[in-house]
Amino acid sequence: MTWNYVEITGLLLFLIGFYGLIARRNIIKTILSLGIMDISVILFFLGIRFEAGMRPPIGESAAPAADPVPQALMITAIVIGAAVTAVGLMMFIALYHRYGTTNWKTAHEIRRKEREL
């Protein structure tokens, strides 16, 4: 199996997003890391299914045609990823207004203190 640059870039972006998800305590950086991971998976799958010289499956020609299903699934994944990011940002805004911080750990400590009272 030969690796092309698109697949390698997708894997590297996934690792960068995963590092940001694990290492950062900032909620905004966590949401951005999830977005990077989402886009990297889409890039990887499109890189796997790409074949040079393939045509769209339109008409009745004998030439080999590209499979439209992976592309349709990736467009759906992009829309779902945008919706998840929007919901995450709305939750962040509510969390920030309630606790006044962008740090996961600090918000958790404030919430724990509120429960004790």
N, C-alpha and C. Protein backbone atom coordinates (compact mmCIF):
# COMPACT_ATOMS: atom_id res chain seq x y z
N MET A 1 0.85 -1.18 0.00
CA MET A 1 0.00 0.00 0.00
C MET A 1 0.89 1.24 0.00
N THR A 2 0.65 2.10 -0.94
CA THR A 2 1.42 3.34 -0.99
C THR A 2 0.60 4.46 -0.36
N TRP A 3 1.29 5.31 0.36
CA TRP A 3 0.64 6.43 1.04
C TRP A 3 0.86 7.67 0.20
N ASN A 4 -0.19 8.44 0.01
CA ASN A 4 -0.01 9.71 -0.68
C ASN A 4 -0.03 10.84 0.34
N TYR A 5 0.25 12.03 -0.13
CA TYR A 5 0.39 13.17 0.77
C TYR A 5 -0.92 13.54 1.47
N VAL A 6 -2.03 13.31 0.82
CA VAL A 6 -3.32 13.65 1.42
C VAL A 6 -3.59 12.77 2.64
N GLU A 7 -3.31 11.48 2.52
CA GLU A 7 -3.52 10.56 3.64
C GLU A 7 -2.58 10.88 4.80
N ILE A 8 -1.33 11.15 4.50
CA ILE A 8 -0.36 11.49 5.55
C ILE A 8 -0.75 12.80 6.23
N THR A 9 -1.19 13.79 5.44
CA THR A 9 -1.63 15.05 6.02
C THR A 9 -2.84 14.85 6.92
N GLY A 10 -3.77 13.99 6.49
CA GLY A 10 -4.94 13.69 7.32
C GLY A 10 -4.55 13.06 8.64
N LEU A 11 -3.61 12.12 8.61
CA LEU A 11 -3.16 11.48 9.85
C LEU A 11 -2.44 12.47 10.76
N LEU A 12 -1.59 13.31 10.19
CA LEU A 12 -0.88 14.30 11.01
C LEU A 12 -1.84 15.31 11.63
N LEU A 13 -2.82 15.75 10.86
CA LEU A 13 -3.82 16.68 11.42
C LEU A 13 -4.62 16.02 12.53
N PHE A 14 -4.93 14.73 12.37
CA PHE A 14 -5.66 14.03 13.43
C PHE A 14 -4.83 13.98 14.70
N LEU A 15 -3.53 13.70 14.57
CA LEU A 15 -2.67 13.65 15.75
C LEU A 15 -2.54 15.02 16.41
N ILE A 16 -2.46 16.08 15.60
CA ILE A 16 -2.40 17.43 16.15
C ILE A 16 -3.69 17.76 16.90
N GLY A 17 -4.83 17.41 16.32
CA GLY A 17 -6.11 17.63 16.99
C GLY A 17 -6.24 16.82 18.26
N PHE A 18 -5.76 15.58 18.23
CA PHE A 18 -5.83 14.73 19.42
C PHE A 18 -4.95 15.28 20.53
N TYR A 19 -3.77 15.77 20.17
CA TYR A 19 -2.89 16.39 21.16
C TYR A 19 -3.57 17.61 21.78
N GLY A 20 -4.17 18.44 20.95
CA GLY A 20 -4.87 19.62 21.47
C GLY A 20 -6.04 19.24 22.36
N LEU A 21 -6.69 18.14 22.06
CA LEU A 21 -7.82 17.67 22.87
C LEU A 21 -7.36 17.19 24.23
N ILE A 22 -6.23 16.51 24.27
CA ILE A 22 -5.73 15.93 25.52
C ILE A 22 -4.96 16.96 26.35
N ALA A 23 -4.13 17.78 25.71
CA ALA A 23 -3.19 18.61 26.45
C ALA A 23 -3.75 19.96 26.89
N ARG A 24 -4.78 20.44 26.26
CA ARG A 24 -5.27 21.79 26.56
C ARG A 24 -6.46 21.76 27.51
N ARG A 25 -6.51 22.74 28.40
CA ARG A 25 -7.62 22.87 29.35
C ARG A 25 -8.62 23.94 28.91
N ASN A 26 -8.29 24.69 27.88
CA ASN A 26 -9.16 25.75 27.40
C ASN A 26 -10.30 25.15 26.57
N ILE A 27 -11.52 25.57 26.84
CA ILE A 27 -12.68 24.99 26.17
C ILE A 27 -12.68 25.33 24.68
N ILE A 28 -12.33 26.55 24.33
CA ILE A 28 -12.30 26.94 22.91
C ILE A 28 -11.26 26.12 22.16
N LYS A 29 -10.09 25.93 22.74
CA LYS A 29 -9.06 25.12 22.08
C LYS A 29 -9.50 23.67 21.95
N THR A 30 -10.27 23.19 22.90
CA THR A 30 -10.79 21.83 22.81
C THR A 30 -11.79 21.71 21.66
N ILE A 31 -12.67 22.69 21.52
CA ILE A 31 -13.64 22.67 20.42
C ILE A 31 -12.92 22.76 19.08
N LEU A 32 -11.91 23.61 18.99
CA LEU A 32 -11.12 23.71 17.75
C LEU A 32 -10.39 22.41 17.45
N SER A 33 -9.88 21.75 18.48
CA SER A 33 -9.20 20.48 18.28
C SER A 33 -10.15 19.41 17.76
N LEU A 34 -11.38 19.40 18.26
CA LEU A 34 -12.38 18.47 17.74
C LEU A 34 -12.68 18.76 16.27
N GLY A 35 -12.74 20.03 15.91
CA GLY A 35 -12.96 20.40 14.51
C GLY A 35 -11.81 19.97 13.62
N ILE A 36 -10.59 20.12 14.11
CA ILE A 36 -9.42 19.67 13.34
C ILE A 36 -9.46 18.17 13.15
N MET A 37 -9.82 17.44 14.20
CA MET A 37 -9.91 15.98 14.08
C MET A 37 -11.00 15.58 13.09
N ASP A 38 -12.12 16.28 13.11
CA ASP A 38 -13.23 15.99 12.19
C ASP A 38 -12.80 16.18 10.74
N ILE A 39 -12.19 17.32 10.46
CA ILE A 39 -11.75 17.61 9.09
C ILE A 39 -10.64 16.66 8.65
N SER A 40 -9.78 16.26 9.58
CA SER A 40 -8.70 15.34 9.20
C SER A 40 -9.24 13.97 8.81
N VAL A 41 -10.28 13.51 9.49
CA VAL A 41 -10.89 12.22 9.12
C VAL A 41 -11.52 12.32 7.73
N ILE A 42 -12.19 13.43 7.45
CA ILE A 42 -12.79 13.64 6.13
C ILE A 42 -11.71 13.67 5.06
N LEU A 43 -10.64 14.39 5.32
CA LEU A 43 -9.52 14.46 4.37
C LEU A 43 -8.92 13.09 4.13
N PHE A 44 -8.76 12.31 5.19
CA PHE A 44 -8.18 10.97 5.07
C PHE A 44 -9.07 10.07 4.21
N PHE A 45 -10.37 10.06 4.47
CA PHE A 45 -11.26 9.21 3.70
C PHE A 45 -11.35 9.63 2.24
N LEU A 46 -11.37 10.92 1.98
CA LEU A 46 -11.37 11.36 0.59
C LEU A 46 -10.05 11.04 -0.09
N GLY A 47 -8.95 11.09 0.65
CA GLY A 47 -7.66 10.72 0.09
C GLY A 47 -7.57 9.25 -0.25
N ILE A 48 -8.20 8.41 0.55
CA ILE A 48 -8.21 6.97 0.28
C ILE A 48 -8.99 6.66 -0.99
N ARG A 49 -10.13 7.32 -1.17
CA ARG A 49 -11.02 7.01 -2.29
C ARG A 49 -10.65 7.75 -3.58
N PHE A 50 -9.68 8.63 -3.56
CA PHE A 50 -9.32 9.39 -4.75
C PHE A 50 -8.56 8.51 -5.73
N GLU A 51 -8.98 8.56 -6.98
CA GLU A 51 -8.27 7.89 -8.06
C GLU A 51 -8.18 8.87 -9.22
N ALA A 52 -6.98 9.12 -9.69
CA ALA A 52 -6.78 10.08 -10.77
C ALA A 52 -7.42 9.56 -12.06
N GLY A 53 -8.01 10.44 -12.80
CA GLY A 53 -8.59 10.08 -14.09
C GLY A 53 -10.02 9.57 -14.04
N MET A 54 -10.61 9.50 -12.88
CA MET A 54 -11.99 9.02 -12.77
C MET A 54 -12.95 10.16 -13.11
N ARG A 55 -14.03 9.82 -13.77
CA ARG A 55 -15.03 10.80 -14.17
C ARG A 55 -16.26 10.69 -13.28
N PRO A 56 -17.07 11.74 -13.24
CA PRO A 56 -18.34 11.64 -12.52
C PRO A 56 -19.25 10.61 -13.20
N PRO A 57 -20.07 9.92 -12.43
CA PRO A 57 -20.94 8.90 -13.02
C PRO A 57 -22.18 9.50 -13.68
N ILE A 58 -21.97 10.19 -14.78
CA ILE A 58 -23.06 10.84 -15.51
C ILE A 58 -23.11 10.25 -16.91
N GLY A 59 -24.27 9.83 -17.32
CA GLY A 59 -24.43 9.27 -18.66
C GLY A 59 -24.11 7.78 -18.69
N GLU A 60 -24.10 7.25 -19.90
CA GLU A 60 -23.86 5.82 -20.07
C GLU A 60 -22.57 5.61 -20.85
N SER A 61 -21.44 5.91 -20.27
CA SER A 61 -20.17 5.67 -20.95
C SER A 61 -19.51 4.44 -20.36
N ALA A 62 -18.63 3.86 -21.14
CA ALA A 62 -17.93 2.66 -20.68
C ALA A 62 -16.70 3.00 -19.84
N ALA A 63 -16.36 4.27 -19.74
CA ALA A 63 -15.19 4.69 -18.96
C ALA A 63 -15.45 4.46 -17.48
N PRO A 64 -14.40 4.13 -16.73
CA PRO A 64 -14.59 3.94 -15.28
C PRO A 64 -15.04 5.25 -14.62
N ALA A 65 -15.97 5.11 -13.70
CA ALA A 65 -16.56 6.28 -13.05
C ALA A 65 -16.21 6.28 -11.57
N ALA A 66 -16.14 7.47 -11.01
CA ALA A 66 -15.86 7.62 -9.58
C ALA A 66 -17.11 7.26 -8.79
N ASP A 67 -16.90 6.70 -7.62
CA ASP A 67 -18.01 6.35 -6.74
C ASP A 67 -18.47 7.60 -6.00
N PRO A 68 -19.73 8.03 -6.15
CA PRO A 68 -20.18 9.26 -5.51
C PRO A 68 -20.56 9.09 -4.04
N VAL A 69 -20.69 7.86 -3.57
CA VAL A 69 -21.15 7.64 -2.20
C VAL A 69 -20.17 8.20 -1.16
N PRO A 70 -18.85 7.93 -1.25
CA PRO A 70 -17.94 8.51 -0.24
C PRO A 70 -17.97 10.04 -0.22
N GLN A 71 -18.10 10.65 -1.38
CA GLN A 71 -18.15 12.11 -1.42
C GLN A 71 -19.42 12.62 -0.77
N ALA A 72 -20.54 11.95 -1.01
CA ALA A 72 -21.80 12.36 -0.39
C ALA A 72 -21.74 12.18 1.13
N LEU A 73 -21.12 11.10 1.58
CA LEU A 73 -20.98 10.88 3.02
C LEU A 73 -20.09 11.93 3.66
N MET A 74 -19.03 12.34 2.98
CA MET A 74 -18.14 13.34 3.54
C MET A 74 -18.80 14.72 3.58
N ILE A 75 -19.63 15.03 2.58
CA ILE A 75 -20.38 16.29 2.64
C ILE A 75 -21.32 16.28 3.83
N THR A 76 -21.97 15.13 4.07
CA THR A 76 -22.83 14.99 5.24
C THR A 76 -22.03 15.14 6.52
N ALA A 77 -20.83 14.56 6.56
CA ALA A 77 -19.98 14.67 7.74
C ALA A 77 -19.56 16.11 7.99
N ILE A 78 -19.33 16.87 6.94
CA ILE A 78 -18.97 18.28 7.10
C ILE A 78 -20.13 19.05 7.73
N VAL A 79 -21.34 18.80 7.27
CA VAL A 79 -22.52 19.48 7.82
C VAL A 79 -22.73 19.10 9.28
N ILE A 80 -22.59 17.82 9.60
CA ILE A 80 -22.75 17.37 10.98
C ILE A 80 -21.65 17.97 11.86
N GLY A 81 -20.42 18.02 11.35
CA GLY A 81 -19.32 18.63 12.11
C GLY A 81 -19.56 20.10 12.40
N ALA A 82 -20.11 20.81 11.43
CA ALA A 82 -20.42 22.23 11.65
C ALA A 82 -21.51 22.38 12.71
N ALA A 83 -22.50 21.50 12.68
CA ALA A 83 -23.57 21.56 13.68
C ALA A 83 -23.05 21.24 15.07
N VAL A 84 -22.18 20.24 15.17
CA VAL A 84 -21.60 19.88 16.47
C VAL A 84 -20.75 21.02 17.01
N THR A 85 -19.99 21.67 16.14
CA THR A 85 -19.19 22.82 16.56
C THR A 85 -20.08 23.96 17.04
N ALA A 86 -21.17 24.21 16.34
CA ALA A 86 -22.09 25.28 16.75
C ALA A 86 -22.71 24.98 18.11
N VAL A 87 -23.12 23.73 18.33
CA VAL A 87 -23.69 23.36 19.62
C VAL A 87 -22.63 23.47 20.72
N GLY A 88 -21.41 23.04 20.41
CA GLY A 88 -20.33 23.16 21.39
C GLY A 88 -20.05 24.60 21.76
N LEU A 89 -20.07 25.49 20.79
CA LEU A 89 -19.85 26.91 21.07
C LEU A 89 -21.00 27.51 21.87
N MET A 90 -22.23 27.07 21.59
CA MET A 90 -23.36 27.55 22.40
C MET A 90 -23.23 27.08 23.85
N MET A 91 -22.81 25.84 24.03
CA MET A 91 -22.62 25.33 25.39
C MET A 91 -21.49 26.08 26.08
N PHE A 92 -20.44 26.42 25.32
CA PHE A 92 -19.33 27.19 25.89
C PHE A 92 -19.81 28.56 26.36
N ILE A 93 -20.64 29.22 25.55
CA ILE A 93 -21.14 30.54 25.93
C ILE A 93 -21.94 30.46 27.22
N ALA A 94 -22.80 29.44 27.32
CA ALA A 94 -23.59 29.26 28.55
C ALA A 94 -22.68 28.98 29.74
N LEU A 95 -21.67 28.14 29.54
CA LEU A 95 -20.73 27.81 30.62
C LEU A 95 -19.93 29.04 31.04
N TYR A 96 -19.52 29.83 30.07
CA TYR A 96 -18.74 31.02 30.38
C TYR A 96 -19.58 32.05 31.14
N HIS A 97 -20.83 32.22 30.75
CA HIS A 97 -21.69 33.16 31.47
C HIS A 97 -21.98 32.68 32.88
N ARG A 98 -22.03 31.39 33.08
CA ARG A 98 -22.35 30.87 34.42
C ARG A 98 -21.14 30.88 35.34
N TYR A 99 -19.97 30.44 34.82
CA TYR A 99 -18.79 30.28 35.68
C TYR A 99 -17.72 31.34 35.45
N GLY A 100 -17.75 32.05 34.34
CA GLY A 100 -16.79 33.12 34.09
C GLY A 100 -15.39 32.66 33.78
N THR A 101 -15.23 31.47 33.23
CA THR A 101 -13.90 30.95 32.91
C THR A 101 -13.96 30.13 31.63
N THR A 102 -12.80 30.01 30.97
CA THR A 102 -12.70 29.16 29.79
C THR A 102 -11.92 27.89 30.08
N ASN A 103 -11.61 27.67 31.33
CA ASN A 103 -10.81 26.51 31.73
C ASN A 103 -11.74 25.41 32.25
N TRP A 104 -11.56 24.19 31.72
CA TRP A 104 -12.38 23.06 32.16
C TRP A 104 -12.23 22.81 33.66
N LYS A 105 -10.99 22.78 34.10
CA LYS A 105 -10.72 22.42 35.49
C LYS A 105 -11.30 23.46 36.46
N THR A 106 -11.11 24.74 36.15
CA THR A 106 -11.63 25.79 37.01
C THR A 106 -13.16 25.75 37.07
N ALA A 107 -13.80 25.54 35.93
CA ALA A 107 -15.27 25.45 35.91
C ALA A 107 -15.75 24.26 36.73
N HIS A 108 -15.03 23.15 36.66
CA HIS A 108 -15.40 21.97 37.45
C HIS A 108 -15.26 22.25 38.95
N GLU A 109 -14.19 22.94 39.34
CA GLU A 109 -13.99 23.27 40.75
C GLU A 109 -15.07 24.23 41.25
N ILE A 110 -15.44 25.22 40.45
CA ILE A 110 -16.50 26.16 40.85
C ILE A 110 -17.82 25.42 41.00
N ARG A 111 -18.09 24.51 40.08
CA ARG A 111 -19.34 23.73 40.16
C ARG A 111 -19.36 22.85 41.40
N ARG A 112 -18.23 22.25 41.72
CA ARG A 112 -18.15 21.40 42.92
C ARG A 112 -18.39 22.23 44.18
N LYS A 113 -17.82 23.45 44.23
CA LYS A 113 -18.04 24.33 45.39
C LYS A 113 -19.50 24.75 45.49
N GLU A 114 -20.15 24.99 44.35
CA GLU A 114 -21.57 25.35 44.37
C GLU A 114 -22.42 24.20 44.91
N ARG A 115 -22.07 22.98 44.58
CA ARG A 115 -22.82 21.82 45.06
C ARG A 115 -22.68 21.64 46.57
N GLU A 116 -21.50 21.98 47.10
CA GLU A 116 -21.26 21.81 48.53
C GLU A 116 -22.07 22.81 49.36
N LEU A 117 -22.39 23.95 48.78
CA LEU A 117 -23.13 24.97 49.53
C LEU A 117 -24.57 24.62 49.70
